[in-house]
């Protein structure tokens, strides 16, 4: 059974930091790139960061230089370190595997990040 469990969200002031964690099941994590997605209120879900099995990372322009994605292959965990947070970073954050460049059909419950100005 595929599981994706996100945690670490919360309320933070602008300029603050948070680290999100995602626990993934082995079947979806082991051989796939992993990504963090964000869904802001009233907007579509967007990919903000991804990391390949080999550790190559890619970021959306809006978070480049502020967010860092990493993965722990021994524990099937994916992290998103978010620094210098802005109100526009507010949203529900989800992790997922990328299958041929697209998210898998499995989604967790997400974790809410709210950045106050």
N, C-alpha and C. Protein backbone atom coordinates (compact mmCIF):
# COMPACT_ATOMS: atom_id res chain seq x y z
N UNK A 1 0.84 -1.18 0.00
CA UNK A 1 0.00 0.00 0.00
C UNK A 1 0.89 1.24 0.00
N UNK A 2 0.58 2.18 -0.89
CA UNK A 2 1.37 3.39 -0.99
C UNK A 2 0.93 4.38 0.07
N UNK A 3 1.91 4.94 0.78
CA UNK A 3 1.63 5.96 1.78
C UNK A 3 2.55 7.14 1.61
N UNK A 4 1.99 8.31 1.77
CA UNK A 4 2.74 9.56 1.78
C UNK A 4 2.19 10.37 2.94
N UNK A 5 3.05 10.64 3.92
CA UNK A 5 2.60 11.32 5.13
C UNK A 5 3.47 12.55 5.35
N UNK A 6 2.86 13.71 5.18
CA UNK A 6 3.58 14.97 5.34
C UNK A 6 3.39 15.51 6.75
N UNK A 7 4.40 16.23 7.23
CA UNK A 7 4.33 16.85 8.56
C UNK A 7 5.28 18.04 8.61
N UNK A 8 5.14 18.83 9.67
CA UNK A 8 6.07 19.93 9.91
C UNK A 8 5.55 21.30 9.59
N UNK A 9 4.34 21.39 9.05
CA UNK A 9 3.79 22.70 8.74
C UNK A 9 3.41 23.47 9.99
N UNK A 10 2.98 24.70 9.79
CA UNK A 10 2.58 25.52 10.92
C UNK A 10 2.42 26.96 10.53
N UNK A 11 2.27 27.80 11.54
CA UNK A 11 2.14 29.24 11.37
C UNK A 11 3.48 29.89 11.70
N UNK A 12 3.96 30.71 10.80
CA UNK A 12 5.26 31.36 11.00
C UNK A 12 5.19 32.78 10.47
N UNK A 13 5.97 33.66 11.04
CA UNK A 13 6.02 35.03 10.55
C UNK A 13 6.90 35.11 9.31
N UNK A 14 6.65 36.10 8.51
CA UNK A 14 7.48 36.33 7.33
C UNK A 14 8.94 36.46 7.74
N UNK A 15 9.79 35.83 6.96
CA UNK A 15 11.21 35.80 7.28
C UNK A 15 11.64 34.59 8.09
N UNK A 16 10.66 33.86 8.60
CA UNK A 16 10.96 32.68 9.41
C UNK A 16 11.27 31.45 8.58
N UNK A 17 11.44 30.34 9.29
CA UNK A 17 11.83 29.09 8.64
C UNK A 17 10.98 27.93 9.14
N UNK A 18 10.82 26.94 8.29
CA UNK A 18 10.17 25.68 8.64
C UNK A 18 10.86 24.55 7.89
N UNK A 19 10.80 23.37 8.48
CA UNK A 19 11.26 22.19 7.76
C UNK A 19 10.12 21.18 7.68
N UNK A 20 9.76 20.82 6.49
CA UNK A 20 8.70 19.83 6.26
C UNK A 20 9.34 18.46 6.08
N UNK A 21 8.62 17.45 6.50
CA UNK A 21 9.07 16.06 6.33
C UNK A 21 7.98 15.26 5.62
N UNK A 22 8.40 14.29 4.87
CA UNK A 22 7.47 13.39 4.20
C UNK A 22 7.97 11.97 4.35
N UNK A 23 7.14 11.12 4.94
CA UNK A 23 7.46 9.70 5.06
C UNK A 23 6.73 8.97 3.93
N UNK A 24 7.50 8.32 3.09
CA UNK A 24 6.93 7.64 1.93
C UNK A 24 7.11 6.13 2.06
N UNK A 25 6.22 5.41 1.46
CA UNK A 25 6.39 3.96 1.45
C UNK A 25 7.49 3.59 0.46
N UNK A 26 8.13 2.49 0.74
CA UNK A 26 9.29 2.06 -0.05
C UNK A 26 8.96 1.92 -1.52
N UNK A 27 7.78 1.43 -1.82
CA UNK A 27 7.44 1.14 -3.21
C UNK A 27 7.43 2.38 -4.07
N UNK A 28 7.03 3.51 -3.51
CA UNK A 28 6.95 4.72 -4.33
C UNK A 28 8.21 5.55 -4.25
N UNK A 29 8.99 5.37 -3.19
CA UNK A 29 10.16 6.22 -2.95
C UNK A 29 11.40 5.71 -3.66
N UNK A 30 11.59 4.41 -3.63
CA UNK A 30 12.93 3.84 -3.84
C UNK A 30 13.55 4.19 -5.19
N UNK A 31 12.79 4.15 -6.26
CA UNK A 31 13.40 4.32 -7.58
C UNK A 31 12.91 5.56 -8.31
N UNK A 32 12.22 6.45 -7.58
CA UNK A 32 11.63 7.60 -8.24
C UNK A 32 12.16 8.92 -7.72
N UNK A 33 12.21 9.93 -8.59
CA UNK A 33 12.41 11.28 -8.08
C UNK A 33 11.24 11.62 -7.17
N UNK A 34 11.50 12.51 -6.22
CA UNK A 34 10.46 12.94 -5.31
C UNK A 34 10.33 14.46 -5.40
N UNK A 35 9.12 14.93 -5.16
CA UNK A 35 8.89 16.36 -5.25
C UNK A 35 8.00 16.88 -4.13
N UNK A 36 8.14 18.16 -3.88
CA UNK A 36 7.22 18.86 -2.99
C UNK A 36 6.34 19.79 -3.84
N UNK A 37 5.04 19.69 -3.59
CA UNK A 37 4.07 20.49 -4.30
C UNK A 37 3.40 21.43 -3.30
N UNK A 38 2.91 22.54 -3.83
CA UNK A 38 2.23 23.53 -2.99
C UNK A 38 0.91 23.89 -3.66
N UNK A 39 -0.14 23.95 -2.85
CA UNK A 39 -1.43 24.46 -3.35
C UNK A 39 -1.85 25.63 -2.50
N UNK A 40 -1.76 26.81 -3.10
CA UNK A 40 -2.17 28.03 -2.42
C UNK A 40 -3.68 28.18 -2.55
N UNK A 41 -4.29 28.94 -1.65
CA UNK A 41 -5.75 29.13 -1.71
C UNK A 41 -6.19 29.65 -3.07
N UNK A 42 -7.13 28.97 -3.69
CA UNK A 42 -7.67 29.41 -4.96
C UNK A 42 -6.78 29.17 -6.16
N UNK A 43 -5.68 28.44 -5.96
CA UNK A 43 -4.75 28.20 -7.06
C UNK A 43 -4.54 26.71 -7.28
N UNK A 44 -4.01 26.38 -8.42
CA UNK A 44 -3.71 24.99 -8.71
C UNK A 44 -2.44 24.55 -7.99
N UNK A 45 -2.34 23.26 -7.80
CA UNK A 45 -1.17 22.71 -7.17
C UNK A 45 0.04 22.88 -8.09
N UNK A 46 1.17 23.28 -7.53
CA UNK A 46 2.36 23.49 -8.33
C UNK A 46 3.55 22.78 -7.69
N UNK A 47 4.47 22.35 -8.54
CA UNK A 47 5.70 21.72 -8.07
C UNK A 47 6.69 22.81 -7.68
N UNK A 48 7.19 22.76 -6.45
CA UNK A 48 8.12 23.80 -6.02
C UNK A 48 9.55 23.28 -5.91
N UNK A 49 9.72 21.97 -5.71
CA UNK A 49 11.07 21.42 -5.60
C UNK A 49 11.04 19.94 -5.92
N UNK A 50 12.12 19.45 -6.51
CA UNK A 50 12.21 18.02 -6.79
C UNK A 50 13.65 17.56 -6.60
N UNK A 51 13.78 16.25 -6.38
CA UNK A 51 15.10 15.67 -6.19
C UNK A 51 15.11 14.28 -6.81
N UNK A 52 16.14 13.99 -7.58
CA UNK A 52 16.25 12.69 -8.22
C UNK A 52 16.84 11.67 -7.26
N UNK A 53 16.86 10.43 -7.68
CA UNK A 53 17.47 9.37 -6.87
C UNK A 53 18.94 9.68 -6.65
N UNK A 54 19.58 10.27 -7.63
CA UNK A 54 20.99 10.62 -7.52
C UNK A 54 21.26 11.90 -6.77
N UNK A 55 20.20 12.60 -6.35
CA UNK A 55 20.38 13.80 -5.55
C UNK A 55 20.38 15.11 -6.32
N UNK A 56 20.07 15.03 -7.62
CA UNK A 56 20.00 16.27 -8.40
C UNK A 56 18.71 16.99 -8.04
N UNK A 57 18.81 18.30 -7.77
CA UNK A 57 17.65 19.07 -7.32
C UNK A 57 17.23 20.11 -8.34
N UNK A 58 15.97 20.47 -8.28
CA UNK A 58 15.44 21.50 -9.15
C UNK A 58 14.38 22.27 -8.37
N UNK A 59 14.29 23.58 -8.62
CA UNK A 59 13.38 24.42 -7.85
C UNK A 59 12.60 25.36 -8.76
N UNK A 60 11.40 25.67 -8.33
CA UNK A 60 10.64 26.72 -8.99
C UNK A 60 11.34 28.05 -8.75
N UNK A 61 11.23 28.94 -9.70
CA UNK A 61 11.91 30.24 -9.56
C UNK A 61 11.48 30.97 -8.29
N UNK A 62 10.24 30.80 -7.89
CA UNK A 62 9.71 31.52 -6.74
C UNK A 62 10.35 31.11 -5.42
N UNK A 63 10.98 29.94 -5.38
CA UNK A 63 11.57 29.46 -4.11
C UNK A 63 13.07 29.26 -4.20
N UNK A 64 13.62 29.45 -5.38
CA UNK A 64 15.05 29.21 -5.57
C UNK A 64 15.87 30.09 -4.63
N UNK A 65 16.84 29.48 -3.98
CA UNK A 65 17.68 30.21 -3.05
C UNK A 65 17.14 30.28 -1.63
N UNK A 66 15.87 29.89 -1.46
CA UNK A 66 15.26 29.94 -0.12
C UNK A 66 14.88 28.54 0.38
N UNK A 67 14.51 27.65 -0.51
CA UNK A 67 14.09 26.29 -0.15
C UNK A 67 15.18 25.30 -0.53
N UNK A 68 15.29 24.24 0.27
CA UNK A 68 16.22 23.17 -0.01
C UNK A 68 15.53 21.83 0.19
N UNK A 69 15.53 21.02 -0.86
CA UNK A 69 14.95 19.68 -0.77
C UNK A 69 16.05 18.66 -0.56
N UNK A 70 15.76 17.64 0.22
CA UNK A 70 16.73 16.57 0.44
C UNK A 70 15.97 15.25 0.67
N UNK A 71 16.70 14.15 0.58
CA UNK A 71 16.06 12.86 0.78
C UNK A 71 16.97 11.94 1.58
N UNK A 72 16.36 11.09 2.37
CA UNK A 72 17.08 10.08 3.14
C UNK A 72 16.67 8.72 2.58
N UNK A 73 17.52 8.14 1.75
CA UNK A 73 17.17 6.91 1.05
C UNK A 73 17.08 5.71 1.99
N UNK A 74 17.72 5.78 3.13
CA UNK A 74 17.66 4.66 4.07
C UNK A 74 16.34 4.62 4.82
N UNK A 75 15.73 5.81 4.99
CA UNK A 75 14.50 5.89 5.79
C UNK A 75 13.28 6.26 4.97
N UNK A 76 13.46 6.42 3.66
CA UNK A 76 12.34 6.78 2.76
C UNK A 76 11.70 8.09 3.20
N UNK A 77 12.53 9.08 3.47
CA UNK A 77 12.06 10.38 3.90
C UNK A 77 12.49 11.46 2.91
N UNK A 78 11.65 12.44 2.75
CA UNK A 78 11.96 13.61 1.93
C UNK A 78 11.74 14.84 2.81
N UNK A 79 12.65 15.79 2.72
CA UNK A 79 12.57 17.00 3.53
C UNK A 79 12.48 18.23 2.62
N UNK A 80 11.89 19.28 3.17
CA UNK A 80 11.91 20.58 2.51
C UNK A 80 12.22 21.62 3.57
N UNK A 81 13.42 22.15 3.48
CA UNK A 81 13.81 23.22 4.38
C UNK A 81 13.43 24.54 3.72
N UNK A 82 12.63 25.35 4.42
CA UNK A 82 12.13 26.60 3.87
C UNK A 82 12.63 27.75 4.72
N UNK A 83 13.43 28.61 4.12
CA UNK A 83 13.95 29.79 4.79
C UNK A 83 13.37 31.05 4.18
N UNK A 84 13.51 32.15 4.89
CA UNK A 84 13.05 33.46 4.40
C UNK A 84 11.63 33.38 3.85
N UNK A 85 10.76 32.78 4.63
CA UNK A 85 9.39 32.56 4.16
C UNK A 85 8.66 33.86 3.91
N UNK A 86 7.80 33.83 2.90
CA UNK A 86 7.01 34.98 2.50
C UNK A 86 5.53 34.63 2.61
N UNK A 87 4.65 35.62 2.75
CA UNK A 87 3.21 35.33 2.80
C UNK A 87 2.74 34.53 1.58
N UNK A 88 3.34 34.75 0.43
CA UNK A 88 2.94 34.02 -0.77
C UNK A 88 3.36 32.55 -0.76
N UNK A 89 4.12 32.13 0.25
CA UNK A 89 4.45 30.72 0.41
C UNK A 89 3.33 29.96 1.13
N UNK A 90 2.34 30.67 1.58
CA UNK A 90 1.22 30.04 2.28
C UNK A 90 0.50 29.05 1.38
N UNK A 91 0.17 27.89 1.94
CA UNK A 91 -0.55 26.88 1.19
C UNK A 91 -0.42 25.53 1.86
N UNK A 92 -1.03 24.54 1.24
CA UNK A 92 -0.89 23.16 1.70
C UNK A 92 0.23 22.52 0.88
N UNK A 93 1.15 21.91 1.58
CA UNK A 93 2.31 21.31 0.94
C UNK A 93 2.17 19.78 0.94
N UNK A 94 2.43 19.22 -0.22
CA UNK A 94 2.32 17.78 -0.42
C UNK A 94 3.63 17.25 -1.01
N UNK A 95 3.96 16.03 -0.67
CA UNK A 95 5.06 15.38 -1.38
C UNK A 95 4.48 14.28 -2.26
N UNK A 96 5.21 13.95 -3.29
CA UNK A 96 4.78 12.89 -4.18
C UNK A 96 5.97 12.44 -5.01
N UNK A 97 5.84 11.28 -5.57
CA UNK A 97 6.85 10.80 -6.50
C UNK A 97 6.56 11.38 -7.88
N UNK A 98 7.59 11.52 -8.66
CA UNK A 98 7.43 11.93 -10.06
C UNK A 98 7.64 10.71 -10.93
N UNK A 99 6.61 10.38 -11.68
CA UNK A 99 6.64 9.25 -12.58
C UNK A 99 6.62 9.81 -14.00
N UNK A 100 7.73 9.67 -14.69
CA UNK A 100 7.86 10.25 -16.04
C UNK A 100 7.51 11.74 -16.01
N UNK A 101 7.97 12.40 -14.96
CA UNK A 101 7.81 13.84 -14.89
C UNK A 101 6.48 14.33 -14.35
N UNK A 102 5.59 13.41 -14.02
CA UNK A 102 4.28 13.79 -13.51
C UNK A 102 4.07 13.16 -12.13
N UNK A 103 3.26 13.80 -11.28
CA UNK A 103 3.03 13.22 -9.96
C UNK A 103 2.26 11.91 -10.07
N UNK A 104 2.53 11.01 -9.14
CA UNK A 104 1.78 9.76 -9.13
C UNK A 104 0.33 10.06 -8.75
N UNK A 105 -0.49 9.04 -8.81
CA UNK A 105 -1.91 9.21 -8.47
C UNK A 105 -2.16 9.23 -6.96
N UNK A 106 -1.11 9.00 -6.20
CA UNK A 106 -1.27 8.92 -4.75
C UNK A 106 -0.91 10.26 -4.11
N UNK A 107 -1.76 10.71 -3.22
CA UNK A 107 -1.52 11.95 -2.49
C UNK A 107 -1.77 11.72 -1.01
N UNK A 108 -0.94 12.37 -0.19
CA UNK A 108 -1.17 12.34 1.24
C UNK A 108 -2.14 13.44 1.64
N UNK A 109 -2.21 13.68 2.94
CA UNK A 109 -3.15 14.70 3.43
C UNK A 109 -2.58 16.10 3.34
N UNK A 110 -1.27 16.18 3.13
CA UNK A 110 -0.62 17.48 3.06
C UNK A 110 -0.39 18.08 4.43
N UNK A 111 0.38 19.15 4.45
CA UNK A 111 0.63 19.87 5.70
C UNK A 111 0.50 21.37 5.42
N UNK A 112 -0.22 22.05 6.27
CA UNK A 112 -0.55 23.47 6.05
C UNK A 112 0.61 24.35 6.51
N UNK A 113 0.99 25.25 5.64
CA UNK A 113 1.98 26.28 5.98
C UNK A 113 1.30 27.64 5.83
N UNK A 114 1.34 28.42 6.88
CA UNK A 114 0.76 29.76 6.85
C UNK A 114 1.83 30.75 7.27
N UNK A 115 2.09 31.71 6.40
CA UNK A 115 3.10 32.73 6.67
C UNK A 115 2.40 34.07 6.84
N UNK A 116 2.54 34.63 8.00
CA UNK A 116 1.89 35.92 8.28
C UNK A 116 2.85 37.06 8.00
N UNK A 117 2.25 38.17 7.57
CA UNK A 117 3.08 39.34 7.22
C UNK A 117 3.32 40.21 8.43
